[in-house]
Amino acid sequence: QVQLVESGGGLVQAGGSLRLSCVASGSIFAINTMGWYRQAPGKKRELIASMFSAGSTNYVDSVKGRFTISRDNAKNTMFLQMNSLKSEDTAVYYCNVRVSEYDSDSYSYKGEYEYWGQGTQVTVSS
């Protein structure tokens, strides 16, 4: 089993910055892909940034040049640095990972699984 714990959300003025963190723990062989999603009130959850095991990244157009996804492999931690925040960035932000997982009893490979963080609120005031 794998757990994700998010932190770093809050209230910030437009133009300000926040950094979200997501720590993964548990029976992890490797984190294969990671992503940050957000869901604004009345809207669908959308993928805004992703990073693959080789380090390549993708961003949705609305955050390109303002947000940066990164990871600390040694600590199984992913980050989302958000700069030049706008009111339209207000949403609940979720981290998502696909991990290769091992069985905690036998330590044998168990498969690839997907997990979500609990979500953290980001509110940008104009």
C-alpha atoms as a PDB file:
ATOM      1  CA  GLN A   1       0.000   0.000   0.000  1.00  0.00           C
ATOM      2  CA  VAL A   2       1.125   3.521  -0.788  1.00  0.00           C
ATOM      3  CA  GLN A   3       0.128   6.752   0.886  1.00  0.00           C
ATOM      4  CA  LEU A   4       0.366  10.278  -0.469  1.00  0.00           C
ATOM      5  CA  VAL A   5       0.363  13.312   1.798  1.00  0.00           C
ATOM      6  CA  GLU A   6       0.030  16.772   0.305  1.00  0.00           C
ATOM      7  CA  SER A   7       0.919  20.098   1.843  1.00  0.00           C
ATOM      8  CA  GLY A   8       1.554  23.700   0.870  1.00  0.00           C
ATOM      9  CA  GLY A   9      -1.820  25.059  -0.138  1.00  0.00           C
ATOM     10  CA  GLY A  10      -3.270  28.260   1.216  1.00  0.00           C
ATOM     11  CA  LEU A  11      -4.447  31.765   0.478  1.00  0.00           C
ATOM     12  CA  VAL A  12      -2.272  34.035  -1.633  1.00  0.00           C
ATOM     13  CA  GLN A  13      -2.735  37.311  -3.479  1.00  0.00           C
ATOM     14  CA  ALA A  14      -2.708  37.418  -7.243  1.00  0.00           C
ATOM     15  CA  GLY A  15       0.858  37.525  -8.523  1.00  0.00           C
ATOM     16  CA  GLY A  16       2.137  35.593  -5.552  1.00  0.00           C
ATOM     17  CA  SER A  17       3.677  32.129  -5.301  1.00  0.00           C
ATOM     18  CA  LEU A  18       3.042  28.846  -3.543  1.00  0.00           C
ATOM     19  CA  ARG A  19       4.841  25.520  -3.528  1.00  0.00           C
ATOM     20  CA  LEU A  20       2.895  22.316  -3.129  1.00  0.00           C
ATOM     21  CA  SER A  21       4.524  19.140  -1.878  1.00  0.00           C
ATOM     22  CA  CYS A  22       3.420  15.530  -2.088  1.00  0.00           C
ATOM     23  CA  VAL A  23       5.242  12.824  -0.158  1.00  0.00           C
ATOM     24  CA  ALA A  24       4.786   9.205  -1.166  1.00  0.00           C
ATOM     25  CA  SER A  25       5.438   6.411   1.315  1.00  0.00           C
ATOM     26  CA  GLY A  26       4.897   2.675   1.426  1.00  0.00           C
ATOM     27  CA  SER A  27       5.822  -0.314  -0.715  1.00  0.00           C
ATOM     28  CA  ILE A  28       7.337   1.572  -3.653  1.00  0.00           C
ATOM     29  CA  PHE A  29       9.783   0.049  -6.108  1.00  0.00           C
ATOM     30  CA  ALA A  30       9.681   3.126  -8.297  1.00  0.00           C
ATOM     31  CA  ILE A  31       7.507   6.107  -9.078  1.00  0.00           C
ATOM     32  CA  ASN A  32       6.818   5.808 -12.800  1.00  0.00           C
ATOM     33  CA  THR A  33       4.755   8.885 -13.476  1.00  0.00           C
ATOM     34  CA  MET A  34       3.550  11.745 -11.334  1.00  0.00           C
ATOM     35  CA  GLY A  35       1.105  14.488 -11.950  1.00  0.00           C
ATOM     36  CA  TRP A  36      -0.714  17.410 -10.444  1.00  0.00           C
ATOM     37  CA  TYR A  37      -4.418  17.872 -11.050  1.00  0.00           C
ATOM     38  CA  ARG A  38      -6.774  20.582  -9.958  1.00  0.00           C
ATOM     39  CA  GLN A  39     -10.509  20.902  -9.630  1.00  0.00           C
ATOM     40  CA  ALA A  40     -12.232  24.251  -9.433  1.00  0.00           C
ATOM     41  CA  PRO A  41     -15.809  24.568  -8.134  1.00  0.00           C
ATOM     42  CA  GLY A  42     -18.286  23.305 -10.713  1.00  0.00           C
ATOM     43  CA  LYS A  43     -15.553  22.087 -13.038  1.00  0.00           C
ATOM     44  CA  LYS A  44     -14.017  18.738 -13.885  1.00  0.00           C
ATOM     45  CA  ARG A  45     -10.685  17.698 -12.446  1.00  0.00           C
ATOM     46  CA  GLU A  46      -7.951  18.527 -14.946  1.00  0.00           C
ATOM     47  CA  LEU A  47      -4.356  17.434 -15.338  1.00  0.00           C
ATOM     48  CA  ILE A  48      -2.122  20.506 -15.243  1.00  0.00           C
ATOM     49  CA  ALA A  49       1.414  19.117 -14.955  1.00  0.00           C
ATOM     50  CA  SER A  50       3.041  15.730 -15.307  1.00  0.00           C
ATOM     51  CA  MET A  51       6.494  14.233 -15.060  1.00  0.00           C
ATOM     52  CA  PHE A  52       7.649  10.868 -16.329  1.00  0.00           C
ATOM     53  CA  SER A  53      10.362   8.599 -14.964  1.00  0.00           C
ATOM     54  CA  ALA A  54      12.921   9.848 -17.490  1.00  0.00           C
ATOM     55  CA  GLY A  55      12.285  13.407 -16.340  1.00  0.00           C
ATOM     56  CA  SER A  56      10.266  14.770 -19.231  1.00  0.00           C
ATOM     57  CA  THR A  57       7.429  17.091 -18.299  1.00  0.00           C
ATOM     58  CA  ASN A  58       4.146  18.288 -19.751  1.00  0.00           C
ATOM     59  CA  TYR A  59       2.000  21.259 -18.796  1.00  0.00           C
ATOM     60  CA  VAL A  60      -1.436  22.441 -19.730  1.00  0.00           C
ATOM     61  CA  ASP A  61      -1.263  25.716 -21.654  1.00  0.00           C
ATOM     62  CA  SER A  62      -2.875  27.733 -18.868  1.00  0.00           C
ATOM     63  CA  VAL A  63       0.041  27.128 -16.489  1.00  0.00           C
ATOM     64  CA  LYS A  64       2.999  26.949 -18.888  1.00  0.00           C
ATOM     65  CA  GLY A  65       5.746  29.323 -17.883  1.00  0.00           C
ATOM     66  CA  ARG A  66       4.244  29.835 -14.419  1.00  0.00           C
ATOM     67  CA  PHE A  67       4.166  26.383 -12.807  1.00  0.00           C
ATOM     68  CA  THR A  68       7.022  23.893 -12.493  1.00  0.00           C
ATOM     69  CA  ILE A  69       6.745  20.241 -11.520  1.00  0.00           C
ATOM     70  CA  SER A  70       9.773  18.605  -9.938  1.00  0.00           C
ATOM     71  CA  ARG A  71      10.718  15.645  -7.789  1.00  0.00           C
ATOM     72  CA  ASP A  72      13.185  14.528  -5.153  1.00  0.00           C
ATOM     73  CA  ASN A  73      13.731  10.862  -5.912  1.00  0.00           C
ATOM     74  CA  ALA A  74      15.589  10.170  -2.692  1.00  0.00           C
ATOM     75  CA  LYS A  75      12.625  11.363  -0.646  1.00  0.00           C
ATOM     76  CA  ASN A  76       9.837  10.138  -2.958  1.00  0.00           C
ATOM     77  CA  THR A  77       8.563  13.683  -2.959  1.00  0.00           C
ATOM     78  CA  MET A  78       7.088  15.713  -5.786  1.00  0.00           C
ATOM     79  CA  PHE A  79       6.599  19.450  -5.924  1.00  0.00           C
ATOM     80  CA  LEU A  80       4.581  22.000  -7.816  1.00  0.00           C
ATOM     81  CA  GLN A  81       6.068  25.472  -7.783  1.00  0.00           C
ATOM     82  CA  MET A  82       3.368  27.965  -8.701  1.00  0.00           C
ATOM     83  CA  ASN A  83       4.369  31.508  -9.600  1.00  0.00           C
ATOM     84  CA  SER A  84       2.433  34.502 -10.905  1.00  0.00           C
ATOM     85  CA  LEU A  85      -0.760  33.049  -9.513  1.00  0.00           C
ATOM     86  CA  LYS A  86      -4.074  34.227 -10.899  1.00  0.00           C
ATOM     87  CA  SER A  87      -7.586  34.107  -9.472  1.00  0.00           C
ATOM     88  CA  GLU A  88      -8.448  31.426 -12.024  1.00  0.00           C
ATOM     89  CA  ASP A  89      -5.860  29.155 -10.400  1.00  0.00           C
ATOM     90  CA  THR A  90      -8.136  28.851  -7.381  1.00  0.00           C
ATOM     91  CA  ALA A  91      -8.946  25.156  -6.964  1.00  0.00           C
ATOM     92  CA  VAL A  92      -8.294  22.042  -4.946  1.00  0.00           C
ATOM     93  CA  TYR A  93      -4.998  20.571  -6.100  1.00  0.00           C
ATOM     94  CA  TYR A  94      -4.340  16.833  -6.091  1.00  0.00           C
ATOM     95  CA  CYS A  95      -1.150  14.893  -6.627  1.00  0.00           C
ATOM     96  CA  ASN A  96      -1.304  11.615  -8.510  1.00  0.00           C
ATOM     97  CA  VAL A  97       1.292   8.904  -8.969  1.00  0.00           C
ATOM     98  CA  ARG A  98       1.623   5.622 -10.787  1.00  0.00           C
ATOM     99  CA  VAL A  99       4.037   3.426  -8.885  1.00  0.00           C
ATOM    100  CA  SER A 100       5.615   0.036  -9.270  1.00  0.00           C
ATOM    101  CA  GLU A 101       4.738  -1.579  -5.967  1.00  0.00           C
ATOM    102  CA  TYR A 102       6.123  -4.556  -4.087  1.00  0.00           C
ATOM    103  CA  ASP A 103       4.372  -6.942  -1.778  1.00  0.00           C
ATOM    104  CA  SER A 104       5.270  -5.956   1.789  1.00  0.00           C
ATOM    105  CA  ASP A 105       5.367  -9.604   2.953  1.00  0.00           C
ATOM    106  CA  SER A 106       7.313 -11.292   0.156  1.00  0.00           C
ATOM    107  CA  TYR A 107       9.042  -8.194  -1.319  1.00  0.00           C
ATOM    108  CA  SER A 108       8.166  -9.520  -4.753  1.00  0.00           C
ATOM    109  CA  TYR A 109       6.916  -7.267  -7.540  1.00  0.00           C
ATOM    110  CA  LYS A 110       3.203  -6.707  -7.186  1.00  0.00           C
ATOM    111  CA  GLY A 111       2.308  -4.495 -10.120  1.00  0.00           C
ATOM    112  CA  GLU A 112       1.684  -0.883 -11.109  1.00  0.00           C
ATOM    113  CA  TYR A 113      -0.914   1.060  -9.187  1.00  0.00           C
ATOM    114  CA  GLU A 114      -2.304   4.575  -9.164  1.00  0.00           C
ATOM    115  CA  TYR A 115      -2.766   6.704  -6.053  1.00  0.00           C
ATOM    116  CA  TRP A 116      -4.173  10.124  -5.229  1.00  0.00           C
ATOM    117  CA  GLY A 117      -3.324  12.654  -2.562  1.00  0.00           C
ATOM    118  CA  GLN A 118      -5.991  14.029  -0.279  1.00  0.00           C
ATOM    119  CA  GLY A 119      -6.114  17.404  -2.016  1.00  0.00           C
ATOM    120  CA  THR A 120      -5.055  20.836  -0.842  1.00  0.00           C
ATOM    121  CA  GLN A 121      -6.960  24.085  -1.324  1.00  0.00           C
ATOM    122  CA  VAL A 122      -5.295  26.930  -3.197  1.00  0.00           C
ATOM    123  CA  THR A 123      -7.138  30.236  -3.129  1.00  0.00           C
ATOM    124  CA  VAL A 124      -5.864  33.235  -5.070  1.00  0.00           C
ATOM    125  CA  SER A 125      -7.409  36.577  -4.184  1.00  0.00           C
ATOM    126  CA  SER A 126      -7.541  39.316  -6.793  1.00  0.00           C
END
